[in-house]
Amino acid sequence: MDATDFPDDLVQTQAAWNATYDSLAGPRPRDTTALRRRLLLLSVRLWWHPYWETAPSVPAARTELRQMVRAHGASPGPWGTGACTTAVRSAPVS
């Protein structure tokens, strides 16, 4: 599976999930309730995204998405500050 096969909104949602998780895992996170709620919301969006209905191997594709976003440091919009590569296009997560 090529990195460009993932929809922009799915990539950005995964990047936002990573940034939120990292914020919670850091030392003395602020507003943990809001971060936990955001993490839950993003988890639901990731799990139920329509893309997974078309993926040939969902477990492998989920793993590849997580690895790709971590490796490329895709920018999740207002929730993080990663650099976006050509394989990962930017789209805000609201």
N, C-alpha and C. Protein backbone atom coordinates (compact mmCIF):
# COMPACT_ATOMS: atom_id res chain seq x y z
N MET A 1 0.86 -1.19 0.00
CA MET A 1 0.00 0.00 0.00
C MET A 1 0.89 1.24 0.00
N ASP A 2 0.58 2.16 -0.86
CA ASP A 2 1.32 3.41 -0.97
C ASP A 2 0.77 4.44 0.01
N ALA A 3 1.64 5.30 0.53
CA ALA A 3 1.21 6.31 1.50
C ALA A 3 0.14 7.22 0.94
N THR A 4 0.13 7.44 -0.36
CA THR A 4 -0.85 8.34 -0.95
C THR A 4 -2.23 7.69 -1.07
N ASP A 5 -2.35 6.41 -0.75
CA ASP A 5 -3.64 5.74 -0.79
C ASP A 5 -4.54 6.16 0.36
N PHE A 6 -3.98 6.69 1.42
CA PHE A 6 -4.79 7.10 2.57
C PHE A 6 -5.41 8.47 2.32
N PRO A 7 -6.69 8.61 2.64
CA PRO A 7 -7.34 9.92 2.48
C PRO A 7 -6.70 10.96 3.42
N ASP A 8 -6.69 12.20 2.96
CA ASP A 8 -6.09 13.28 3.75
C ASP A 8 -6.69 13.38 5.15
N ASP A 9 -8.01 13.29 5.24
CA ASP A 9 -8.63 13.45 6.55
C ASP A 9 -8.25 12.32 7.50
N LEU A 10 -8.03 11.13 6.98
CA LEU A 10 -7.60 10.01 7.81
C LEU A 10 -6.17 10.22 8.32
N VAL A 11 -5.30 10.68 7.45
CA VAL A 11 -3.91 10.95 7.82
C VAL A 11 -3.86 12.05 8.89
N GLN A 12 -4.64 13.10 8.68
CA GLN A 12 -4.63 14.20 9.63
C GLN A 12 -5.26 13.80 10.97
N THR A 13 -6.25 12.95 10.93
CA THR A 13 -6.85 12.47 12.17
C THR A 13 -5.84 11.63 12.95
N GLN A 14 -5.09 10.78 12.25
CA GLN A 14 -4.06 9.99 12.92
C GLN A 14 -2.98 10.89 13.50
N ALA A 15 -2.58 11.92 12.77
CA ALA A 15 -1.57 12.86 13.26
C ALA A 15 -2.09 13.60 14.50
N ALA A 16 -3.35 13.99 14.48
CA ALA A 16 -3.94 14.67 15.63
C ALA A 16 -4.01 13.72 16.82
N TRP A 17 -4.33 12.45 16.57
CA TRP A 17 -4.38 11.45 17.64
C TRP A 17 -2.99 11.32 18.27
N ASN A 18 -1.95 11.21 17.42
CA ASN A 18 -0.58 11.09 17.92
C ASN A 18 -0.20 12.29 18.79
N ALA A 19 -0.51 13.49 18.30
CA ALA A 19 -0.15 14.70 19.04
C ALA A 19 -0.90 14.77 20.38
N THR A 20 -2.17 14.38 20.37
CA THR A 20 -2.95 14.40 21.60
C THR A 20 -2.42 13.37 22.59
N TYR A 21 -2.12 12.19 22.10
CA TYR A 21 -1.56 11.14 22.96
C TYR A 21 -0.23 11.59 23.55
N ASP A 22 0.62 12.17 22.72
CA ASP A 22 1.92 12.66 23.20
C ASP A 22 1.74 13.74 24.26
N SER A 23 0.75 14.59 24.10
CA SER A 23 0.47 15.63 25.09
C SER A 23 0.06 15.01 26.42
N LEU A 24 -0.75 13.98 26.36
CA LEU A 24 -1.18 13.30 27.58
C LEU A 24 -0.03 12.54 28.24
N ALA A 25 0.86 11.98 27.43
CA ALA A 25 1.95 11.17 27.95
C ALA A 25 3.10 12.01 28.50
N GLY A 26 3.12 13.28 28.18
CA GLY A 26 4.20 14.15 28.63
C GLY A 26 4.13 14.43 30.13
N PRO A 27 5.17 15.03 30.65
CA PRO A 27 5.18 15.35 32.07
C PRO A 27 4.18 16.46 32.40
N ARG A 28 3.40 16.23 33.40
CA ARG A 28 2.41 17.21 33.90
C ARG A 28 1.54 17.82 32.80
N PRO A 29 0.76 16.98 32.12
CA PRO A 29 -0.11 17.53 31.07
C PRO A 29 -1.17 18.44 31.67
N ARG A 30 -1.53 19.47 30.93
CA ARG A 30 -2.57 20.40 31.38
C ARG A 30 -3.89 20.00 30.75
N ASP A 31 -4.95 20.23 31.46
CA ASP A 31 -6.30 19.96 30.99
C ASP A 31 -6.45 18.53 30.48
N THR A 32 -6.12 17.57 31.35
CA THR A 32 -6.15 16.16 30.96
C THR A 32 -7.54 15.70 30.54
N THR A 33 -8.57 16.27 31.15
CA THR A 33 -9.93 15.87 30.77
C THR A 33 -10.20 16.19 29.30
N ALA A 34 -9.86 17.39 28.87
CA ALA A 34 -10.06 17.77 27.47
C ALA A 34 -9.21 16.92 26.53
N LEU A 35 -7.99 16.62 26.94
CA LEU A 35 -7.13 15.79 26.11
C LEU A 35 -7.68 14.37 26.00
N ARG A 36 -8.17 13.81 27.10
CA ARG A 36 -8.76 12.47 27.05
C ARG A 36 -10.00 12.43 26.17
N ARG A 37 -10.83 13.45 26.30
CA ARG A 37 -12.03 13.51 25.45
C ARG A 37 -11.65 13.61 23.99
N ARG A 38 -10.64 14.44 23.69
CA ARG A 38 -10.18 14.59 22.30
C ARG A 38 -9.62 13.27 21.79
N LEU A 39 -8.85 12.57 22.61
CA LEU A 39 -8.28 11.29 22.21
C LEU A 39 -9.39 10.28 21.91
N LEU A 40 -10.43 10.26 22.73
CA LEU A 40 -11.55 9.36 22.50
C LEU A 40 -12.27 9.70 21.20
N LEU A 41 -12.53 10.99 20.97
CA LEU A 41 -13.19 11.43 19.74
C LEU A 41 -12.37 11.03 18.51
N LEU A 42 -11.07 11.28 18.57
CA LEU A 42 -10.21 10.94 17.43
C LEU A 42 -10.13 9.43 17.24
N SER A 43 -10.14 8.67 18.32
CA SER A 43 -10.11 7.21 18.22
C SER A 43 -11.34 6.70 17.49
N VAL A 44 -12.49 7.26 17.81
CA VAL A 44 -13.74 6.86 17.15
C VAL A 44 -13.68 7.22 15.67
N ARG A 45 -13.20 8.41 15.36
CA ARG A 45 -13.07 8.82 13.95
C ARG A 45 -12.13 7.90 13.18
N LEU A 46 -11.03 7.53 13.80
CA LEU A 46 -10.08 6.63 13.14
C LEU A 46 -10.70 5.25 12.92
N TRP A 47 -11.33 4.71 13.95
CA TRP A 47 -11.86 3.36 13.89
C TRP A 47 -12.97 3.22 12.84
N TRP A 48 -13.86 4.20 12.78
CA TRP A 48 -15.04 4.10 11.92
C TRP A 48 -14.90 4.86 10.61
N HIS A 49 -13.72 5.26 10.22
CA HIS A 49 -13.53 5.98 8.97
C HIS A 49 -13.96 5.09 7.79
N PRO A 50 -14.68 5.66 6.81
CA PRO A 50 -15.16 4.86 5.67
C PRO A 50 -14.05 4.19 4.86
N TYR A 51 -12.84 4.71 4.93
CA TYR A 51 -11.73 4.11 4.17
C TYR A 51 -11.55 2.64 4.52
N TRP A 52 -11.77 2.27 5.76
CA TRP A 52 -11.50 0.90 6.19
C TRP A 52 -12.42 -0.12 5.52
N GLU A 53 -13.53 0.34 4.96
CA GLU A 53 -14.42 -0.57 4.24
C GLU A 53 -13.83 -0.98 2.89
N THR A 54 -12.86 -0.21 2.40
CA THR A 54 -12.26 -0.50 1.09
C THR A 54 -10.84 -1.04 1.19
N ALA A 55 -10.25 -1.03 2.37
CA ALA A 55 -8.87 -1.49 2.54
C ALA A 55 -8.80 -3.01 2.41
N PRO A 56 -7.83 -3.53 1.65
CA PRO A 56 -7.73 -4.98 1.46
C PRO A 56 -7.39 -5.73 2.74
N SER A 57 -6.56 -5.17 3.58
CA SER A 57 -6.19 -5.79 4.85
C SER A 57 -6.22 -4.70 5.91
N VAL A 58 -7.32 -4.61 6.62
CA VAL A 58 -7.52 -3.51 7.56
C VAL A 58 -6.46 -3.48 8.67
N PRO A 59 -6.15 -4.60 9.34
CA PRO A 59 -5.13 -4.52 10.39
C PRO A 59 -3.77 -4.03 9.87
N ALA A 60 -3.37 -4.52 8.71
CA ALA A 60 -2.09 -4.10 8.13
C ALA A 60 -2.15 -2.62 7.72
N ALA A 61 -3.27 -2.20 7.17
CA ALA A 61 -3.40 -0.80 6.74
C ALA A 61 -3.39 0.14 7.95
N ARG A 62 -4.05 -0.24 9.03
CA ARG A 62 -4.04 0.59 10.25
C ARG A 62 -2.62 0.75 10.77
N THR A 63 -1.89 -0.35 10.77
CA THR A 63 -0.49 -0.31 11.24
C THR A 63 0.35 0.56 10.33
N GLU A 64 0.16 0.42 9.03
CA GLU A 64 0.93 1.24 8.08
C GLU A 64 0.62 2.72 8.25
N LEU A 65 -0.65 3.04 8.45
CA LEU A 65 -1.04 4.44 8.67
C LEU A 65 -0.32 5.01 9.89
N ARG A 66 -0.37 4.28 11.00
CA ARG A 66 0.29 4.77 12.23
C ARG A 66 1.78 4.96 12.02
N GLN A 67 2.42 3.97 11.38
CA GLN A 67 3.87 4.06 11.15
C GLN A 67 4.22 5.21 10.20
N MET A 68 3.42 5.37 9.15
CA MET A 68 3.69 6.43 8.17
C MET A 68 3.56 7.81 8.81
N VAL A 69 2.51 8.01 9.59
CA VAL A 69 2.30 9.32 10.20
C VAL A 69 3.41 9.61 11.21
N ARG A 70 3.80 8.62 11.99
CA ARG A 70 4.91 8.82 12.94
C ARG A 70 6.20 9.15 12.21
N ALA A 71 6.48 8.41 11.14
CA ALA A 71 7.74 8.60 10.40
C ALA A 71 7.80 9.95 9.69
N HIS A 72 6.68 10.38 9.12
CA HIS A 72 6.67 11.63 8.36
C HIS A 72 6.35 12.84 9.21
N GLY A 73 5.85 12.62 10.41
CA GLY A 73 5.52 13.75 11.28
C GLY A 73 4.49 14.67 10.66
N ALA A 74 3.42 14.10 10.11
CA ALA A 74 2.37 14.91 9.48
C ALA A 74 1.78 15.89 10.45
N SER A 75 1.55 17.10 9.98
CA SER A 75 0.99 18.15 10.83
C SER A 75 -0.50 17.92 11.06
N PRO A 76 -0.93 17.83 12.33
CA PRO A 76 -2.33 17.62 12.61
C PRO A 76 -3.13 18.90 12.74
N GLY A 77 -2.59 19.99 12.27
CA GLY A 77 -3.31 21.26 12.38
C GLY A 77 -2.98 21.93 13.70
N PRO A 78 -3.97 22.42 14.42
CA PRO A 78 -3.70 23.18 15.63
C PRO A 78 -3.20 22.33 16.80
N TRP A 79 -3.23 21.00 16.68
CA TRP A 79 -2.87 20.14 17.82
C TRP A 79 -1.42 19.69 17.79
N GLY A 80 -0.61 20.07 16.81
CA GLY A 80 0.78 19.64 16.78
C GLY A 80 1.57 20.45 15.78
N THR A 81 2.87 20.18 15.73
CA THR A 81 3.72 20.99 14.86
C THR A 81 4.69 20.13 14.07
N GLY A 82 4.25 19.06 13.43
CA GLY A 82 5.14 18.24 12.63
C GLY A 82 5.30 18.79 11.23
N ALA A 83 6.32 18.33 10.54
CA ALA A 83 6.54 18.74 9.16
C ALA A 83 5.83 17.77 8.24
N CYS A 84 5.21 18.27 7.23
CA CYS A 84 4.43 17.45 6.30
C CYS A 84 5.26 17.17 5.06
N THR A 85 5.30 15.91 4.61
CA THR A 85 6.05 15.55 3.41
C THR A 85 5.11 15.47 2.22
N THR A 86 5.68 15.23 1.06
CA THR A 86 4.85 15.17 -0.14
C THR A 86 3.91 13.97 -0.12
N ALA A 87 4.26 12.92 0.60
CA ALA A 87 3.39 11.74 0.66
C ALA A 87 2.19 11.97 1.57
N VAL A 88 2.26 13.01 2.39
CA VAL A 88 1.19 13.28 3.34
C VAL A 88 0.73 14.71 3.13
N ARG A 89 -0.52 14.88 2.65
CA ARG A 89 -1.03 16.22 2.39
C ARG A 89 -1.77 16.73 3.61
N SER A 90 -1.76 18.03 3.79
CA SER A 90 -2.39 18.65 4.97
C SER A 90 -3.87 18.86 4.78
N ALA A 91 -4.61 18.61 5.85
CA ALA A 91 -6.03 18.92 5.92
C ALA A 91 -6.38 19.04 7.40
N PRO A 92 -7.06 20.08 7.81
CA PRO A 92 -7.36 20.27 9.23
C PRO A 92 -8.35 19.24 9.75
N VAL A 93 -8.21 18.90 11.02
CA VAL A 93 -9.13 18.01 11.70
C VAL A 93 -9.97 18.87 12.62
N SER A 94 -11.27 18.84 12.43
CA SER A 94 -12.12 19.67 13.28
C SER A 94 -12.95 18.82 14.20
